[in-house]
Amino acid sequence: MDFQKRKYDEPKRPLRPERRVNLIGPRVRWMRERLLLTQDDLAGKLACYGVELDYVKIGQVENERRRVTDWELVGFAKALGVSVEWLLSGQEGTW
């Protein structure tokens, strides 16, 4: 009997390769955790600046799976007390 590898034995791969779609996600999560905020807390602070994102969308941003508009970028910076520059590059005074 021939034990050839069959198609169903191949490891499953996602239909689309996952790719990062924003630069700020890891820094948003790092700063949010440093400030001891939940994603829901951050959503409330963002709402004060006119950015309506729920905890699910914030999680998608943090996991680099959701694009961020310029308006949202400014809102994240204000809500977290950091500069837009830091969110984009991790450094101050680099632009």
Protein backbone atom coordinates (compact mmCIF):
# COMPACT_ATOMS: atom_id res chain seq x y z
CA MET A 1 0.00 0.00 0.00
CA ASP A 2 1.38 3.43 -0.95
CA PHE A 3 1.16 6.07 1.79
CA GLN A 4 1.32 9.20 -0.26
CA LYS A 5 0.53 12.48 1.38
CA ARG A 6 -2.98 13.44 0.44
CA LYS A 7 -4.27 16.94 -0.09
CA TYR A 8 -6.21 16.97 3.17
CA ASP A 9 -2.99 16.23 5.10
CA GLU A 10 -1.47 19.56 4.08
CA PRO A 11 -1.40 22.23 6.77
CA LYS A 12 -4.16 24.77 6.48
CA ARG A 13 -3.18 28.28 5.50
CA PRO A 14 -5.36 31.35 5.74
CA LEU A 15 -7.10 32.28 2.52
CA ARG A 16 -5.47 35.70 2.58
CA PRO A 17 -2.15 36.27 4.23
CA GLU A 18 -2.55 38.60 7.18
CA ARG A 19 -0.72 41.86 6.76
CA ARG A 20 -0.26 44.89 8.90
CA VAL A 21 -2.26 47.91 7.82
CA ASN A 22 -1.15 50.56 10.32
CA LEU A 23 2.00 51.70 12.11
CA ILE A 24 0.55 52.83 15.40
CA GLY A 25 -1.09 49.69 16.79
CA PRO A 26 1.71 48.39 19.01
CA ARG A 27 2.41 51.85 20.47
CA VAL A 28 -1.30 52.46 21.12
CA ARG A 29 -1.48 49.18 23.07
CA TRP A 30 1.78 49.85 24.94
CA MET A 31 0.72 53.33 26.04
CA ARG A 32 -2.85 52.24 26.87
CA GLU A 33 -1.53 49.46 29.11
CA ARG A 34 1.04 51.80 30.67
CA LEU A 35 -1.81 54.19 31.57
CA LEU A 36 -3.80 51.24 33.00
CA LEU A 37 -6.68 51.86 30.60
CA THR A 38 -8.98 49.21 29.17
CA GLN A 39 -9.94 49.39 25.53
CA ASP A 40 -13.37 50.56 26.70
CA ASP A 41 -11.75 53.35 28.77
CA LEU A 42 -9.78 54.44 25.72
CA ALA A 43 -12.97 54.41 23.63
CA GLY A 44 -14.49 56.84 26.13
CA LYS A 45 -11.48 59.16 25.97
CA LEU A 46 -11.53 59.04 22.16
CA ALA A 47 -15.22 59.98 22.18
CA CYS A 48 -14.29 63.20 24.02
CA TYR A 49 -12.26 64.13 20.93
CA GLY A 50 -15.01 63.19 18.47
CA VAL A 51 -13.62 59.77 17.52
CA GLU A 52 -16.23 57.04 17.80
CA LEU A 53 -14.45 53.69 18.07
CA ASP A 54 -15.60 50.78 20.22
CA TYR A 55 -13.34 48.30 21.98
CA VAL A 56 -13.51 45.89 19.03
CA LYS A 57 -12.19 48.49 16.59
CA ILE A 58 -9.52 49.59 19.07
CA GLY A 59 -8.42 45.95 19.32
CA GLN A 60 -8.21 45.77 15.54
CA VAL A 61 -6.06 48.90 15.51
CA GLU A 62 -3.80 47.51 18.23
CA ASN A 63 -3.44 44.24 16.29
CA GLU A 64 -2.62 46.21 13.12
CA ARG A 65 -5.69 44.86 11.31
CA ARG A 66 -7.58 48.14 10.89
CA ARG A 67 -6.56 51.25 9.03
CA VAL A 68 -6.52 54.52 10.93
CA THR A 69 -7.73 57.82 9.50
CA ASP A 70 -5.87 61.05 10.14
CA TRP A 71 -8.71 62.18 12.41
CA GLU A 72 -8.42 58.98 14.47
CA LEU A 73 -4.63 59.31 14.62
CA VAL A 74 -4.94 62.77 16.19
CA GLY A 75 -7.62 61.45 18.57
CA PHE A 76 -5.40 58.56 19.71
CA ALA A 77 -2.51 60.98 20.32
CA LYS A 78 -4.67 63.34 22.41
CA ALA A 79 -6.40 60.56 24.33
CA LEU A 80 -3.09 58.88 25.21
CA GLY A 81 -1.23 62.13 25.90
CA VAL A 82 1.46 61.55 23.27
CA SER A 83 2.39 63.19 19.98
CA VAL A 84 1.28 62.03 16.56
CA GLU A 85 4.96 61.84 15.76
CA TRP A 86 5.58 59.35 18.57
CA LEU A 87 2.65 57.19 17.52
CA LEU A 88 4.00 57.00 13.97
CA SER A 89 7.69 56.51 14.67
CA GLY A 90 8.21 55.80 18.35
CA GLN A 91 10.47 58.85 18.60
CA GLU A 92 10.08 62.56 19.14
CA GLY A 93 11.63 65.11 16.80
CA THR A 94 12.34 62.78 13.89
CA TRP A 95 10.31 64.50 11.16
